[in-house]
Amino acid sequence: MENVMGTKEYEWVENNPKTVIACKLICRLMDDITTREDERKRGHCASSVECYMKEHGVSEMEAIAEIQKMCANAWKDMNEECMKPTAVPRVLLKYYVNLARVIDFVYKYMDSYILLKSQRGRLLIVPWATAHVNTNYFFSAVGSQRE
């Protein structure tokens, strides 16, 4: 990757532009939606789902639906910012977009990070096209079945 971080770019990131805020929001909320149950069992601090439930007096499923809407709006913000001319190199914007894309992929349907970490040492072959469409295939490939 080319060197894109100069003083101007650092100040841009430090000022927390819409793209950076949207990326952070997507990363935090997608993780919280997917890992909330395991983190609750381990005694971690409250997730954004639990905070939303308590603050708005809604069920867990309603809180998740609202948080997913927040993520969708963050994607819209990020896309909108990428369509505008910007003072920083496009490659810097792509960094934040790609980070959010990876997190979205890892946490969209399950906690893939923990799953893959627990499967260390085992051969994991998953056809790319079917991994996100048919999660039962993915789970059977690593030896456990999804209910």
Protein backbone atom coordinates (compact mmCIF):
# COMPACT_ATOMS: atom_id res chain seq x y z
CA MET A 1 0.00 0.00 0.00
CA GLU A 2 1.26 3.41 -0.83
CA ASN A 3 2.11 5.91 1.88
CA VAL A 4 -1.06 8.00 2.26
CA MET A 5 -0.68 9.33 5.78
CA GLY A 6 0.65 12.84 5.99
CA THR A 7 -0.28 15.69 8.30
CA LYS A 8 -3.40 16.56 6.32
CA GLU A 9 -4.65 12.97 6.37
CA TYR A 10 -3.89 12.55 10.07
CA GLU A 11 -5.86 15.70 10.87
CA TRP A 12 -8.73 14.43 8.71
CA VAL A 13 -8.91 11.18 10.71
CA GLU A 14 -8.47 13.01 14.01
CA ASN A 15 -11.45 15.27 13.20
CA ASN A 16 -13.69 12.18 13.08
CA PRO A 17 -15.30 12.64 9.65
CA LYS A 18 -18.54 10.90 8.74
CA THR A 19 -16.69 8.01 7.05
CA VAL A 20 -14.66 7.20 10.16
CA ILE A 21 -17.69 7.53 12.45
CA ALA A 22 -19.74 5.21 10.20
CA CYS A 23 -16.92 2.64 10.08
CA LYS A 24 -16.55 2.64 13.88
CA LEU A 25 -20.30 2.35 14.31
CA ILE A 26 -20.59 -0.61 11.93
CA CYS A 27 -17.65 -2.40 13.54
CA ARG A 28 -18.91 -1.95 17.11
CA LEU A 29 -22.58 -2.69 16.48
CA MET A 30 -22.10 -5.73 14.21
CA ASP A 31 -19.79 -7.26 16.83
CA ASP A 32 -22.27 -6.53 19.65
CA ILE A 33 -25.23 -8.04 17.80
CA THR A 34 -23.39 -11.27 17.10
CA THR A 35 -21.38 -11.79 20.29
CA ARG A 36 -23.82 -10.48 22.91
CA GLU A 37 -24.84 -13.90 24.26
CA ASP A 38 -21.32 -15.27 24.62
CA GLU A 39 -20.08 -12.05 26.19
CA ARG A 40 -22.99 -12.09 28.65
CA LYS A 41 -22.06 -15.66 29.68
CA ARG A 42 -18.45 -14.57 30.23
CA GLY A 43 -19.56 -11.62 32.35
CA HIS A 44 -18.36 -8.88 30.00
CA CYS A 45 -19.83 -5.39 30.16
CA ALA A 46 -23.20 -4.68 28.62
CA SER A 47 -23.41 -4.71 24.82
CA SER A 48 -25.09 -2.04 22.75
CA VAL A 49 -28.08 -4.40 22.42
CA GLU A 50 -28.56 -4.58 26.19
CA CYS A 51 -28.05 -0.81 26.53
CA TYR A 52 -30.63 -0.12 23.82
CA MET A 53 -33.11 -2.51 25.46
CA LYS A 54 -32.74 -0.82 28.83
CA GLU A 55 -32.79 2.74 27.46
CA HIS A 56 -35.86 2.27 25.24
CA GLY A 57 -37.71 -0.49 27.13
CA VAL A 58 -37.89 -2.84 24.14
CA SER A 59 -37.32 -6.55 23.61
CA GLU A 60 -34.02 -7.99 22.47
CA MET A 61 -35.30 -8.62 18.94
CA GLU A 62 -36.63 -5.05 18.64
CA ALA A 63 -33.30 -3.69 19.86
CA ILE A 64 -31.42 -5.81 17.31
CA ALA A 65 -33.71 -4.61 14.51
CA GLU A 66 -33.11 -0.97 15.48
CA ILE A 67 -29.37 -1.47 15.73
CA GLN A 68 -29.37 -3.12 12.30
CA LYS A 69 -31.14 0.00 10.99
CA MET A 70 -28.35 2.09 12.55
CA CYS A 71 -25.81 -0.04 10.68
CA ALA A 72 -27.72 0.38 7.42
CA ASN A 73 -27.77 4.14 7.92
CA ALA A 74 -24.03 4.10 8.66
CA TRP A 75 -23.46 2.30 5.35
CA LYS A 76 -25.51 5.00 3.60
CA ASP A 77 -23.39 7.69 5.27
CA MET A 78 -20.20 5.94 4.23
CA ASN A 79 -21.37 5.50 0.63
CA GLU A 80 -22.49 9.13 0.48
CA GLU A 81 -19.09 10.33 1.68
CA CYS A 82 -17.32 8.14 -0.88
CA MET A 83 -19.33 9.75 -3.68
CA LYS A 84 -18.23 13.28 -2.75
CA PRO A 85 -14.94 14.89 -3.67
CA THR A 86 -12.60 14.71 -0.70
CA ALA A 87 -9.42 16.41 0.44
CA VAL A 88 -7.81 13.06 1.31
CA PRO A 89 -6.68 10.31 -1.07
CA ARG A 90 -9.37 7.85 -2.13
CA VAL A 91 -7.17 5.01 -0.87
CA LEU A 92 -7.65 6.31 2.68
CA LEU A 93 -11.43 6.20 2.27
CA LYS A 94 -11.14 2.68 0.85
CA TYR A 95 -9.29 1.62 4.00
CA TYR A 96 -12.31 2.47 6.15
CA VAL A 97 -14.81 1.02 3.67
CA ASN A 98 -12.86 -2.24 3.46
CA LEU A 99 -12.51 -2.47 7.24
CA ALA A 100 -16.28 -2.14 7.61
CA ARG A 101 -16.80 -4.70 4.81
CA VAL A 102 -14.59 -7.26 6.56
CA ILE A 103 -16.34 -6.76 9.89
CA ASP A 104 -19.72 -6.99 8.17
CA PHE A 105 -18.68 -10.30 6.57
CA VAL A 106 -17.20 -11.74 9.77
CA TYR A 107 -20.18 -10.89 11.98
CA LYS A 108 -23.14 -10.85 9.56
CA TYR A 109 -24.58 -14.29 10.36
CA MET A 110 -22.32 -15.62 13.11
CA ASP A 111 -19.14 -14.90 14.99
CA SER A 112 -16.80 -16.19 12.27
CA TYR A 113 -13.74 -14.88 14.09
CA ILE A 114 -14.30 -17.09 17.14
CA LEU A 115 -15.42 -20.01 14.96
CA LEU A 116 -12.28 -19.89 12.84
CA LYS A 117 -10.08 -19.35 15.88
CA SER A 118 -11.57 -22.47 17.51
CA GLN A 119 -10.96 -24.49 14.33
CA ARG A 120 -7.22 -23.74 14.26
CA GLY A 121 -5.27 -26.67 12.91
CA ARG A 122 -8.21 -28.12 10.97
CA LEU A 123 -8.51 -27.79 7.25
CA LEU A 124 -11.38 -25.47 6.43
CA ILE A 125 -12.53 -25.53 2.82
CA VAL A 126 -15.56 -23.39 2.07
CA PRO A 127 -16.53 -22.39 -1.44
CA TRP A 128 -16.69 -18.58 -1.37
CA ALA A 129 -19.99 -18.30 -3.25
CA THR A 130 -21.88 -20.57 -0.86
CA ALA A 131 -20.33 -19.49 2.45
CA HIS A 132 -22.59 -16.46 2.90
CA VAL A 133 -25.67 -17.91 1.21
CA ASN A 134 -25.90 -21.35 2.77
CA THR A 135 -24.62 -21.20 6.34
CA ASN A 136 -25.61 -24.82 6.96
CA TYR A 137 -22.97 -25.83 4.40
CA PHE A 138 -20.39 -23.72 6.21
CA PHE A 139 -21.21 -25.21 9.59
CA SER A 140 -21.20 -28.76 8.27
CA ALA A 141 -17.78 -28.10 6.72
CA VAL A 142 -16.34 -27.42 10.16
CA GLY A 143 -18.15 -30.22 11.91
CA SER A 144 -21.11 -28.64 13.68
CA GLN A 145 -24.66 -28.18 12.52
CA ARG A 146 -26.65 -24.97 12.76
CA GLU A 147 -30.15 -25.22 14.18
